[in-house]
Protein backbone atom coordinates (compact mmCIF):
# COMPACT_ATOMS: atom_id res chain seq x y z
CA MET A 1 26.96 -20.77 53.64
CA ASN A 2 29.84 -18.84 55.13
CA ALA A 3 30.73 -15.26 54.17
CA LEU A 4 33.65 -16.25 51.93
CA ARG A 5 31.46 -18.59 49.85
CA VAL A 6 28.80 -15.88 49.55
CA LEU A 7 31.41 -13.37 48.33
CA TRP A 8 32.84 -15.92 45.91
CA LEU A 9 29.41 -16.70 44.48
CA ALA A 10 28.57 -12.98 44.29
CA SER A 11 31.75 -12.34 42.31
CA ILE A 12 30.86 -15.16 39.90
CA ILE A 13 27.35 -13.77 39.42
CA LEU A 14 28.73 -10.26 38.88
CA GLY A 15 31.19 -11.64 36.33
CA MET A 16 28.42 -13.47 34.47
CA ALA A 17 26.24 -10.34 34.45
CA THR A 18 29.16 -8.34 33.06
CA GLN A 19 29.66 -10.97 30.35
CA VAL A 20 25.99 -10.71 29.35
CA VAL A 21 26.23 -6.91 29.06
CA MET A 22 29.48 -7.09 27.07
CA LEU A 23 28.07 -9.78 24.77
CA SER A 24 24.96 -7.71 24.05
CA LEU A 25 27.14 -4.68 23.20
CA GLN A 26 29.36 -6.80 20.94
CA ILE A 27 26.40 -8.36 19.14
CA GLY A 28 24.88 -4.91 18.62
CA ALA A 29 28.16 -3.64 17.16
CA LEU A 30 28.44 -6.77 15.00
CA ARG A 31 24.97 -6.18 13.56
CA ARG A 32 25.75 -2.54 12.91
CA TYR A 33 29.29 -2.79 11.54
CA ALA A 34 29.75 -6.48 10.57
CA HIS A 35 33.46 -6.36 11.33
CA ARG A 36 35.45 -9.52 12.16
CA SER A 37 36.68 -8.04 15.44
CA PHE A 38 33.17 -8.12 16.90
CA TRP A 39 32.79 -11.80 15.95
CA LEU A 40 36.03 -12.56 17.77
CA LEU A 41 35.07 -10.49 20.81
CA ALA A 42 31.59 -12.04 21.04
CA LEU A 43 33.02 -15.53 20.75
CA GLY A 44 35.67 -14.76 23.38
CA THR A 45 33.00 -13.38 25.70
CA THR A 46 30.91 -16.52 25.21
CA PHE A 47 33.86 -18.72 26.19
CA ALA A 48 34.48 -16.53 29.25
CA ALA A 49 30.81 -16.80 30.23
CA VAL A 50 30.98 -20.60 30.00
CA TYR A 51 34.05 -20.47 32.24
CA ALA A 52 32.09 -18.39 34.78
CA VAL A 53 29.14 -20.79 34.71
CA MET A 54 31.49 -23.72 35.27
CA GLY A 55 32.93 -21.88 38.26
CA ALA A 56 29.47 -21.72 39.81
CA ILE A 57 28.74 -25.44 39.43
CA PRO A 58 30.34 -26.46 42.76
CA PHE A 59 27.88 -24.15 44.55
CA PHE A 60 24.94 -26.19 43.33
CA VAL A 61 26.33 -29.73 42.95
CA THR A 62 28.57 -31.66 45.32
CA LEU A 63 31.51 -33.04 43.37
CA SER A 64 34.31 -35.40 44.27
CA THR A 65 37.87 -34.13 44.26
CA GLU A 66 38.52 -35.87 40.96
CA ALA A 67 35.43 -34.29 39.40
CA LEU A 68 36.46 -30.85 40.69
CA VAL A 69 39.92 -31.27 39.16
CA SER A 70 38.36 -32.28 35.83
CA LEU A 71 35.91 -29.38 35.98
CA PHE A 72 38.77 -27.00 36.71
CA GLY A 73 40.77 -28.31 33.74
CA ILE A 74 37.85 -27.93 31.34
CA ALA A 75 36.99 -24.49 32.73
CA LEU A 76 40.60 -23.40 32.37
CA ALA A 77 40.52 -24.44 28.70
CA PHE A 78 37.42 -22.29 28.14
CA ALA A 79 39.06 -19.37 29.94
CA SER A 80 42.26 -19.71 27.90
CA ILE A 81 40.39 -19.77 24.60
CA GLY A 82 38.25 -16.82 25.72
CA ILE A 83 41.36 -14.82 26.62
CA ALA A 84 43.03 -15.59 23.28
CA LEU A 85 39.92 -14.63 21.31
CA GLY A 86 39.46 -11.48 23.39
CA ILE A 87 43.03 -10.35 22.72
CA TRP A 88 42.76 -11.22 19.02
CA GLY A 89 39.43 -9.39 18.72
CA THR A 90 40.72 -6.31 20.53
CA THR A 91 43.84 -6.24 18.36
CA SER A 92 41.69 -6.54 15.24
CA LEU A 93 39.42 -3.73 16.44
CA PHE A 94 42.36 -1.43 17.21
CA ARG A 95 43.91 -2.13 13.79
CA ARG A 96 40.64 -1.32 12.06
CA PHE A 97 40.28 1.88 14.06
CA GLY A 98 43.84 2.83 13.07
CA GLU A 99 43.06 2.22 9.40
CA LEU A 100 39.93 4.37 9.62
CA HIS A 101 41.84 7.07 11.46
CA GLN A 102 44.58 7.16 8.82
CA THR A 103 42.00 7.22 6.05
CA SER A 104 40.13 10.12 7.63
CA PHE A 105 43.34 12.13 7.90
CA GLY A 106 44.23 11.30 4.29
CA VAL A 107 40.85 12.47 3.03
CA ASN A 108 41.09 15.77 4.92
CA GLY A 109 44.64 16.44 3.71
CA GLU A 110 45.99 16.50 7.27
CA THR A 111 48.80 14.42 8.72
CA ALA A 112 48.49 12.16 11.70
């Protein structure tokens, strides 16, 4: 395996490890706070993790060009859905934080 392939595989493994850490944090927050944003973020992270796993498949299985193109198309769909859910979840989380922030200022009699 040449150096470029090793670096590529290492980056995929690092990405998958990051996804596992993020997913565990999101699930912990979901259990604690039960807010919709954490559902969206966890689901988006799961789709991104599937995308990363699909990216590693060619390292372990020899595929024809046609199969690689199909794999890339399916992986790209998972990535796109993961991105959309991640943005939606982050937006939802920021909105909720803003609501809580405004409420806390209203309770204390201060202005934002």
